Amino acid sequence: MNRQPSTEAERLMLDAKKAILQEQHRRFQELQKEGRWDDAMQQLHVTLSCAADLLKDSVVVLERAVNQRRDQDPPFFSKELPPPADPDAA
């Protein structure tokens, strides 16, 4: 694995947050099955908050990976091909 340490740490953090989300969802489903609707609604709030946190952090990690990849890849246009025409220049 040629991952950078920060990438490994981010992956571990996302895995931990996913595990927390799964546990919160399990609790919500358990309360729902028991018919404890007030508690289930409170648990739903916690579950959705965990899901939002995981999604937000996942987007940050993905954006960082895309930016790093873009910085490492050679430019799209080679020296053999002219750059695209600028429509505003005409």
PDB file of N, CA and C in Angstrom:
ATOM      1  N   MET A   1       0.838  -1.190   0.000  1.00  0.00           N
ATOM      2  CA  MET A   1       0.000   0.000   0.000  1.00  0.00           C
ATOM      3  C   MET A   1       0.875   1.242   0.000  1.00  0.00           C
ATOM      4  N   ASN A   2       0.670   2.097  -0.945  1.00  0.00           N
ATOM      5  CA  ASN A   2       1.431   3.338  -1.048  1.00  0.00           C
ATOM      6  C   ASN A   2       0.608   4.532  -0.590  1.00  0.00           C
ATOM      7  N   ARG A   3      -0.196   4.350   0.401  1.00  0.00           N
ATOM      8  CA  ARG A   3      -1.015   5.455   0.898  1.00  0.00           C
ATOM      9  C   ARG A   3      -0.193   6.341   1.804  1.00  0.00           C
ATOM     10  N   GLN A   4      -0.524   7.624   1.765  1.00  0.00           N
ATOM     11  CA  GLN A   4       0.129   8.556   2.666  1.00  0.00           C
ATOM     12  C   GLN A   4      -0.446   8.354   4.064  1.00  0.00           C
ATOM     13  N   PRO A   5       0.324   8.664   5.107  1.00  0.00           N
ATOM     14  CA  PRO A   5      -0.182   8.491   6.474  1.00  0.00           C
ATOM     15  C   PRO A   5      -1.496   9.224   6.722  1.00  0.00           C
ATOM     16  N   SER A   6      -1.641  10.424   6.168  1.00  0.00           N
ATOM     17  CA  SER A   6      -2.881  11.165   6.403  1.00  0.00           C
ATOM     18  C   SER A   6      -4.060  10.445   5.765  1.00  0.00           C
ATOM     19  N   THR A   7      -3.833   9.810   4.611  1.00  0.00           N
ATOM     20  CA  THR A   7      -4.896   9.071   3.943  1.00  0.00           C
ATOM     21  C   THR A   7      -5.297   7.863   4.781  1.00  0.00           C
ATOM     22  N   GLU A   8      -4.335   7.166   5.340  1.00  0.00           N
ATOM     23  CA  GLU A   8      -4.617   6.028   6.213  1.00  0.00           C
ATOM     24  C   GLU A   8      -5.410   6.473   7.434  1.00  0.00           C
ATOM     25  N   ALA A   9      -4.988   7.567   8.041  1.00  0.00           N
ATOM     26  CA  ALA A   9      -5.677   8.074   9.230  1.00  0.00           C
ATOM     27  C   ALA A   9      -7.107   8.488   8.886  1.00  0.00           C
ATOM     28  N   GLU A  10      -7.268   9.128   7.741  1.00  0.00           N
ATOM     29  CA  GLU A  10      -8.611   9.531   7.319  1.00  0.00           C
ATOM     30  C   GLU A  10      -9.490   8.312   7.072  1.00  0.00           C
ATOM     31  N   ARG A  11      -8.935   7.287   6.465  1.00  0.00           N
ATOM     32  CA  ARG A  11      -9.712   6.077   6.206  1.00  0.00           C
ATOM     33  C   ARG A  11     -10.133   5.422   7.514  1.00  0.00           C
ATOM     34  N   LEU A  12      -9.210   5.367   8.474  1.00  0.00           N
ATOM     35  CA  LEU A  12      -9.544   4.795   9.781  1.00  0.00           C
ATOM     36  C   LEU A  12     -10.614   5.613  10.493  1.00  0.00           C
ATOM     37  N   MET A  13     -10.518   6.938  10.379  1.00  0.00           N
ATOM     38  CA  MET A  13     -11.517   7.801  11.009  1.00  0.00           C
ATOM     39  C   MET A  13     -12.890   7.583  10.372  1.00  0.00           C
ATOM     40  N   LEU A  14     -12.928   7.489   9.051  1.00  0.00           N
ATOM     41  CA  LEU A  14     -14.207   7.247   8.370  1.00  0.00           C
ATOM     42  C   LEU A  14     -14.768   5.878   8.740  1.00  0.00           C
ATOM     43  N   ASP A  15     -13.902   4.884   8.854  1.00  0.00           N
ATOM     44  CA  ASP A  15     -14.354   3.550   9.269  1.00  0.00           C
ATOM     45  C   ASP A  15     -14.956   3.587  10.673  1.00  0.00           C
ATOM     46  N   ALA A  16     -14.324   4.328  11.567  1.00  0.00           N
ATOM     47  CA  ALA A  16     -14.836   4.445  12.934  1.00  0.00           C
ATOM     48  C   ALA A  16     -16.193   5.155  12.949  1.00  0.00           C
ATOM     49  N   LYS A  17     -16.309   6.215  12.165  1.00  0.00           N
ATOM     50  CA  LYS A  17     -17.573   6.941  12.117  1.00  0.00           C
ATOM     51  C   LYS A  17     -18.678   6.089  11.491  1.00  0.00           C
ATOM     52  N   LYS A  18     -18.303   5.264  10.528  1.00  0.00           N
ATOM     53  CA  LYS A  18     -19.282   4.365   9.920  1.00  0.00           C
ATOM     54  C   LYS A  18     -19.778   3.351  10.950  1.00  0.00           C
ATOM     55  N   ALA A  19     -18.860   2.823  11.767  1.00  0.00           N
ATOM     56  CA  ALA A  19     -19.238   1.866  12.813  1.00  0.00           C
ATOM     57  C   ALA A  19     -20.171   2.523  13.831  1.00  0.00           C
ATOM     58  N   ILE A  20     -19.888   3.763  14.189  1.00  0.00           N
ATOM     59  CA  ILE A  20     -20.748   4.493  15.125  1.00  0.00           C
ATOM     60  C   ILE A  20     -22.126   4.685  14.518  1.00  0.00           C
ATOM     61  N   LEU A  21     -22.164   5.069  13.244  1.00  0.00           N
ATOM     62  CA  LEU A  21     -23.444   5.249  12.556  1.00  0.00           C
ATOM     63  C   LEU A  21     -24.237   3.945  12.541  1.00  0.00           C
ATOM     64  N   GLN A  22     -23.582   2.850  12.239  1.00  0.00           N
ATOM     65  CA  GLN A  22     -24.273   1.556  12.201  1.00  0.00           C
ATOM     66  C   GLN A  22     -24.863   1.205  13.568  1.00  0.00           C
ATOM     67  N   GLU A  23     -24.133   1.491  14.627  1.00  0.00           N
ATOM     68  CA  GLU A  23     -24.636   1.218  15.979  1.00  0.00           C
ATOM     69  C   GLU A  23     -25.831   2.122  16.310  1.00  0.00           C
ATOM     70  N   GLN A  24     -25.737   3.387  15.952  1.00  0.00           N
ATOM     71  CA  GLN A  24     -26.852   4.302  16.206  1.00  0.00           C
ATOM     72  C   GLN A  24     -28.093   3.867  15.420  1.00  0.00           C
ATOM     73  N   HIS A  25     -27.903   3.413  14.200  1.00  0.00           N
ATOM     74  CA  HIS A  25     -29.023   2.940  13.382  1.00  0.00           C
ATOM     75  C   HIS A  25     -29.636   1.683  13.988  1.00  0.00           C
ATOM     76  N   ARG A  26     -28.780   0.793  14.481  1.00  0.00           N
ATOM     77  CA  ARG A  26     -29.276  -0.420  15.141  1.00  0.00           C
ATOM     78  C   ARG A  26     -30.131  -0.064  16.355  1.00  0.00           C
ATOM     79  N   ARG A  27     -29.675   0.902  17.137  1.00  0.00           N
ATOM     80  CA  ARG A  27     -30.447   1.344  18.311  1.00  0.00           C
ATOM     81  C   ARG A  27     -31.795   1.920  17.889  1.00  0.00           C
ATOM     82  N   PHE A  28     -31.792   2.726  16.840  1.00  0.00           N
ATOM     83  CA  PHE A  28     -33.040   3.304  16.338  1.00  0.00           C
ATOM     84  C   PHE A  28     -34.015   2.198  15.941  1.00  0.00           C
ATOM     85  N   GLN A  29     -33.526   1.215  15.200  1.00  0.00           N
ATOM     86  CA  GLN A  29     -34.402   0.135  14.765  1.00  0.00           C
ATOM     87  C   GLN A  29     -34.936  -0.666  15.950  1.00  0.00           C
ATOM     88  N   GLU A  30     -34.103  -0.859  16.950  1.00  0.00           N
ATOM     89  CA  GLU A  30     -34.526  -1.587  18.151  1.00  0.00           C
ATOM     90  C   GLU A  30     -35.647  -0.836  18.877  1.00  0.00           C
ATOM     91  N   LEU A  31     -35.477   0.455  19.050  1.00  0.00           N
ATOM     92  CA  LEU A  31     -36.516   1.264  19.697  1.00  0.00           C
ATOM     93  C   LEU A  31     -37.802   1.256  18.886  1.00  0.00           C
ATOM     94  N   GLN A  32     -37.667   1.280  17.587  1.00  0.00           N
ATOM     95  CA  GLN A  32     -38.826   1.249  16.702  1.00  0.00           C
ATOM     96  C   GLN A  32     -39.588  -0.065  16.872  1.00  0.00           C
ATOM     97  N   LYS A  33     -38.863  -1.177  16.883  1.00  0.00           N
ATOM     98  CA  LYS A  33     -39.492  -2.497  17.037  1.00  0.00           C
ATOM     99  C   LYS A  33     -40.203  -2.624  18.378  1.00  0.00           C
ATOM    100  N   GLU A  34     -39.634  -1.989  19.403  1.00  0.00           N
ATOM    101  CA  GLU A  34     -40.234  -2.036  20.743  1.00  0.00           C
ATOM    102  C   GLU A  34     -41.425  -1.102  20.861  1.00  0.00           C
ATOM    103  N   GLY A  35     -41.660  -0.282  19.850  1.00  0.00           N
ATOM    104  CA  GLY A  35     -42.781   0.661  19.893  1.00  0.00           C
ATOM    105  C   GLY A  35     -42.512   1.867  20.779  1.00  0.00           C
ATOM    106  N   ARG A  36     -41.269   2.140  21.076  1.00  0.00           N
ATOM    107  CA  ARG A  36     -40.892   3.286  21.911  1.00  0.00           C
ATOM    108  C   ARG A  36     -40.652   4.474  20.985  1.00  0.00           C
ATOM    109  N   TRP A  37     -41.754   5.063  20.523  1.00  0.00           N
ATOM    110  CA  TRP A  37     -41.698   6.051  19.449  1.00  0.00           C
ATOM    111  C   TRP A  37     -41.014   7.346  19.855  1.00  0.00           C
ATOM    112  N   ASP A  38     -41.248   7.813  21.081  1.00  0.00           N
ATOM    113  CA  ASP A  38     -40.575   9.043  21.519  1.00  0.00           C
ATOM    114  C   ASP A  38     -39.055   8.846  21.564  1.00  0.00           C
ATOM    115  N   ASP A  39     -38.652   7.720  22.139  1.00  0.00           N
ATOM    116  CA  ASP A  39     -37.216   7.411  22.191  1.00  0.00           C
ATOM    117  C   ASP A  39     -36.655   7.181  20.794  1.00  0.00           C
ATOM    118  N   ALA A  40     -37.450   6.537  19.941  1.00  0.00           N
ATOM    119  CA  ALA A  40     -37.002   6.275  18.568  1.00  0.00           C
ATOM    120  C   ALA A  40     -36.790   7.590  17.811  1.00  0.00           C
ATOM    121  N   MET A  41     -37.666   8.551  18.008  1.00  0.00           N
ATOM    122  CA  MET A  41     -37.512   9.836  17.319  1.00  0.00           C
ATOM    123  C   MET A  41     -36.280  10.580  17.812  1.00  0.00           C
ATOM    124  N   GLN A  42     -36.006  10.496  19.102  1.00  0.00           N
ATOM    125  CA  GLN A  42     -34.778  11.101  19.627  1.00  0.00           C
ATOM    126  C   GLN A  42     -33.547  10.390  19.055  1.00  0.00           C
ATOM    127  N   GLN A  43     -33.624   9.074  18.966  1.00  0.00           N
ATOM    128  CA  GLN A  43     -32.508   8.296  18.417  1.00  0.00           C
ATOM    129  C   GLN A  43     -32.343   8.581  16.933  1.00  0.00           C
ATOM    130  N   LEU A  44     -33.449   8.816  16.239  1.00  0.00           N
ATOM    131  CA  LEU A  44     -33.363   9.143  14.819  1.00  0.00           C
ATOM    132  C   LEU A  44     -32.555  10.422  14.618  1.00  0.00           C
ATOM    133  N   HIS A  45     -32.769  11.394  15.483  1.00  0.00           N
ATOM    134  CA  HIS A  45     -32.011  12.647  15.401  1.00  0.00           C
ATOM    135  C   HIS A  45     -30.510  12.369  15.542  1.00  0.00           C
ATOM    136  N   VAL A  46     -30.151  11.538  16.502  1.00  0.00           N
ATOM    137  CA  VAL A  46     -28.740  11.191  16.720  1.00  0.00           C
ATOM    138  C   VAL A  46     -28.194  10.442  15.506  1.00  0.00           C
ATOM    139  N   THR A  47     -28.984   9.504  14.999  1.00  0.00           N
ATOM    140  CA  THR A  47     -28.557   8.708  13.842  1.00  0.00           C
ATOM    141  C   THR A  47     -28.323   9.591  12.625  1.00  0.00           C
ATOM    142  N   LEU A  48     -29.248  10.509  12.361  1.00  0.00           N
ATOM    143  CA  LEU A  48     -29.104  11.400  11.211  1.00  0.00           C
ATOM    144  C   LEU A  48     -27.924  12.347  11.382  1.00  0.00           C
ATOM    145  N   SER A  49     -27.669  12.764  12.600  1.00  0.00           N
ATOM    146  CA  SER A  49     -26.517  13.620  12.866  1.00  0.00           C
ATOM    147  C   SER A  49     -25.216  12.866  12.571  1.00  0.00           C
ATOM    148  N   CYS A  50     -25.153  11.613  12.975  1.00  0.00           N
ATOM    149  CA  CYS A  50     -23.975  10.784  12.685  1.00  0.00           C
ATOM    150  C   CYS A  50     -23.809  10.595  11.175  1.00  0.00           C
ATOM    151  N   ALA A  51     -24.922  10.364  10.483  1.00  0.00           N
ATOM    152  CA  ALA A  51     -24.866  10.173   9.033  1.00  0.00           C
ATOM    153  C   ALA A  51     -24.371  11.443   8.345  1.00  0.00           C
ATOM    154  N   ALA A  52     -24.871  12.592   8.769  1.00  0.00           N
ATOM    155  CA  ALA A  52     -24.443  13.859   8.178  1.00  0.00           C
ATOM    156  C   ALA A  52     -22.958  14.097   8.417  1.00  0.00           C
ATOM    157  N   ASP A  53     -22.493  13.787   9.612  1.00  0.00           N
ATOM    158  CA  ASP A  53     -21.082  13.946   9.950  1.00  0.00           C
ATOM    159  C   ASP A  53     -20.207  13.049   9.073  1.00  0.00           C
ATOM    160  N   LEU A  54     -20.628  11.797   8.907  1.00  0.00           N
ATOM    161  CA  LEU A  54     -19.873  10.866   8.067  1.00  0.00           C
ATOM    162  C   LEU A  54     -19.854  11.327   6.616  1.00  0.00           C
ATOM    163  N   LEU A  55     -20.991  11.768   6.106  1.00  0.00           N
ATOM    164  CA  LEU A  55     -21.046  12.239   4.716  1.00  0.00           C
ATOM    165  C   LEU A  55     -20.176  13.475   4.510  1.00  0.00           C
ATOM    166  N   LYS A  56     -20.244  14.405   5.443  1.00  0.00           N
ATOM    167  CA  LYS A  56     -19.443  15.633   5.333  1.00  0.00           C
ATOM    168  C   LYS A  56     -17.951  15.299   5.305  1.00  0.00           C
ATOM    169  N   ASP A  57     -17.528  14.448   6.213  1.00  0.00           N
ATOM    170  CA  ASP A  57     -16.117  14.077   6.261  1.00  0.00           C
ATOM    171  C   ASP A  57     -15.701  13.274   5.027  1.00  0.00           C
ATOM    172  N   SER A  58     -16.598  12.448   4.521  1.00  0.00           N
ATOM    173  CA  SER A  58     -16.302  11.681   3.308  1.00  0.00           C
ATOM    174  C   SER A  58     -16.088  12.600   2.118  1.00  0.00           C
ATOM    175  N   VAL A  59     -16.901  13.628   2.018  1.00  0.00           N
ATOM    176  CA  VAL A  59     -16.751  14.589   0.922  1.00  0.00           C
ATOM    177  C   VAL A  59     -15.412  15.306   1.027  1.00  0.00           C
ATOM    178  N   VAL A  60     -15.031  15.689   2.220  1.00  0.00           N
ATOM    179  CA  VAL A  60     -13.735  16.364   2.419  1.00  0.00           C
ATOM    180  C   VAL A  60     -12.591  15.460   1.967  1.00  0.00           C
ATOM    181  N   VAL A  61     -12.642  14.192   2.349  1.00  0.00           N
ATOM    182  CA  VAL A  61     -11.587  13.253   1.972  1.00  0.00           C
ATOM    183  C   VAL A  61     -11.574  13.056   0.457  1.00  0.00           C
ATOM    184  N   LEU A  62     -12.742  12.915  -0.152  1.00  0.00           N
ATOM    185  CA  LEU A  62     -12.808  12.744  -1.599  1.00  0.00           C
ATOM    186  C   LEU A  62     -12.294  13.971  -2.341  1.00  0.00           C
ATOM    187  N   GLU A  63     -12.672  15.154  -1.879  1.00  0.00           N
ATOM    188  CA  GLU A  63     -12.180  16.378  -2.524  1.00  0.00           C
ATOM    189  C   GLU A  63     -10.668  16.472  -2.431  1.00  0.00           C
ATOM    190  N   ARG A  64     -10.130  16.123  -1.276  1.00  0.00           N
ATOM    191  CA  ARG A  64      -8.679  16.168  -1.097  1.00  0.00           C
ATOM    192  C   ARG A  64      -7.997  15.163  -2.031  1.00  0.00           C
ATOM    193  N   ALA A  65      -8.568  13.973  -2.154  1.00  0.00           N
ATOM    194  CA  ALA A  65      -7.985  12.955  -3.036  1.00  0.00           C
ATOM    195  C   ALA A  65      -8.030  13.400  -4.491  1.00  0.00           C
ATOM    196  N   VAL A  66      -9.139  13.990  -4.903  1.00  0.00           N
ATOM    197  CA  VAL A  66      -9.257  14.473  -6.280  1.00  0.00           C
ATOM    198  C   VAL A  66      -8.242  15.580  -6.539  1.00  0.00           C
ATOM    199  N   ASN A  67      -8.103  16.499  -5.611  1.00  0.00           N
ATOM    200  CA  ASN A  67      -7.136  17.596  -5.781  1.00  0.00           C
ATOM    201  C   ASN A  67      -5.706  17.077  -5.843  1.00  0.00           C
ATOM    202  N   GLN A  68      -5.383  16.106  -4.997  1.00  0.00           N
ATOM    203  CA  GLN A  68      -4.036  15.535  -5.027  1.00  0.00           C
ATOM    204  C   GLN A  68      -3.791  14.820  -6.347  1.00  0.00           C
ATOM    205  N   ARG A  69      -4.783  14.105  -6.798  1.00  0.00           N
ATOM    206  CA  ARG A  69      -4.649  13.380  -8.079  1.00  0.00           C
ATOM    207  C   ARG A  69      -4.481  14.362  -9.229  1.00  0.00           C
ATOM    208  N   ARG A  70      -5.270  15.419  -9.208  1.00  0.00           N
ATOM    209  CA  ARG A  70      -5.186  16.428 -10.267  1.00  0.00           C
ATOM    210  C   ARG A  70      -3.798  17.076 -10.270  1.00  0.00           C
ATOM    211  N   ASP A  71      -3.256  17.333  -9.093  1.00  0.00           N
ATOM    212  CA  ASP A  71      -1.929  17.948  -9.002  1.00  0.00           C
ATOM    213  C   ASP A  71      -0.823  17.006  -9.469  1.00  0.00           C
ATOM    214  N   GLN A  72      -1.033  15.691  -9.343  1.00  0.00           N
ATOM    215  CA  GLN A  72      -0.017  14.713  -9.725  1.00  0.00           C
ATOM    216  C   GLN A  72      -0.087  14.351 -11.202  1.00  0.00           C
ATOM    217  N   ASP A  73      -1.262  14.397 -11.796  1.00  0.00           N
ATOM    218  CA  ASP A  73      -1.432  14.010 -13.198  1.00  0.00           C
ATOM    219  C   ASP A  73      -0.853  15.074 -14.119  1.00  0.00           C
ATOM    220  N   PRO A  74      -0.339  14.647 -15.266  1.00  0.00           N
ATOM    221  CA  PRO A  74       0.135  15.638 -16.231  1.00  0.00           C
ATOM    222  C   PRO A  74      -1.046  16.444 -16.767  1.00  0.00           C
ATOM    223  N   PRO A  75      -0.774  17.619 -17.288  1.00  0.00           N
ATOM    224  CA  PRO A  75      -1.860  18.429 -17.825  1.00  0.00           C
ATOM    225  C   PRO A  75      -2.618  17.671 -18.911  1.00  0.00           C
ATOM    226  N   PHE A  76      -3.881  17.984 -19.048  1.00  0.00           N
ATOM    227  CA  PHE A  76      -4.729  17.313 -20.027  1.00  0.00           C
ATOM    228  C   PHE A  76      -4.259  17.595 -21.445  1.00  0.00           C
ATOM    229  N   PHE A  77      -3.877  18.801 -21.705  1.00  0.00           N
ATOM    230  CA  PHE A  77      -3.463  19.175 -23.063  1.00  0.00           C
ATOM    231  C   PHE A  77      -1.952  19.009 -23.195  1.00  0.00           C
ATOM    232  N   SER A  78      -1.549  18.247 -24.189  1.00  0.00           N
ATOM    233  CA  SER A  78      -0.115  18.061 -24.413  1.00  0.00           C
ATOM    234  C   SER A  78       0.417  19.224 -25.247  1.00  0.00           C
ATOM    235  N   LYS A  79       1.731  19.266 -25.394  1.00  0.00           N
ATOM    236  CA  LYS A  79       2.355  20.333 -26.174  1.00  0.00           C
ATOM    237  C   LYS A  79       2.074  20.172 -27.661  1.00  0.00           C
ATOM    238  N   GLU A  80       1.695  18.955 -28.070  1.00  0.00           N
ATOM    239  CA  GLU A  80       1.429  18.705 -29.476  1.00  0.00           C
ATOM    240  C   GLU A  80       0.075  19.253 -29.913  1.00  0.00           C
ATOM    241  N   LEU A  81      -0.827  19.372 -28.994  1.00  0.00           N
ATOM    242  CA  LEU A  81      -2.170  19.857 -29.327  1.00  0.00           C
ATOM    243  C   LEU A  81      -2.329  21.298 -28.858  1.00  0.00           C
ATOM    244  N   PRO A  82      -2.929  22.131 -29.675  1.00  0.00           N
ATOM    245  CA  PRO A  82      -3.176  23.504 -29.221  1.00  0.00           C
ATOM    246  C   PRO A  82      -4.278  23.511 -28.164  1.00  0.00           C
ATOM    247  N   PRO A  83      -4.276  24.492 -27.275  1.00  0.00           N
ATOM    248  CA  PRO A  83      -5.343  24.582 -26.276  1.00  0.00           C
ATOM    249  C   PRO A  83      -6.670  24.886 -26.972  1.00  0.00           C
ATOM    250  N   PRO A  84      -7.776  24.617 -26.324  1.00  0.00           N
ATOM    251  CA  PRO A  84      -9.071  24.891 -26.949  1.00  0.00           C
ATOM    252  C   PRO A  84      -9.226  26.380 -27.225  1.00  0.00           C
ATOM    253  N   ALA A  85      -9.988  26.685 -28.250  1.00  0.00           N
ATOM    254  CA  ALA A  85     -10.220  28.079 -28.634  1.00  0.00           C
ATOM    255  C   ALA A  85     -11.029  28.779 -27.559  1.00  0.00           C
ATOM    256  N   ASP A  86     -10.710  30.042 -27.319  1.00  0.00           N
ATOM    257  CA  ASP A  86     -11.436  30.851 -26.352  1.00  0.00           C
ATOM    258  C   ASP A  86     -12.597  31.520 -27.092  1.00  0.00           C
ATOM    259  N   PRO A  87     -13.856  31.163 -26.771  1.00  0.00           N
ATOM    260  CA  PRO A  87     -14.990  31.730 -27.499  1.00  0.00           C
ATOM    261  C   PRO A  87     -15.126  33.236 -27.286  1.00  0.00           C
ATOM    262  N   ASP A  88     -14.588  33.768 -26.207  1.00  0.00           N
ATOM    263  CA  ASP A  88     -14.690  35.210 -25.945  1.00  0.00           C
ATOM    264  C   ASP A  88     -13.654  36.010 -26.718  1.00  0.00           C
ATOM    265  N   ALA A  89     -12.642  35.339 -27.252  1.00  0.00           N
ATOM    266  CA  ALA A  89     -11.563  36.033 -27.948  1.00  0.00           C
ATOM    267  C   ALA A  89     -11.969  36.474 -29.358  1.00  0.00           C
ATOM    268  N   ALA A  90     -13.013  35.890 -29.901  1.00  0.00           N
ATOM    269  CA  ALA A  90     -13.416  36.207 -31.284  1.00  0.00           C
ATOM    270  C   ALA A  90     -14.081  37.540 -31.406  1.00  0.00           C
TER     271      ALA A  90
END
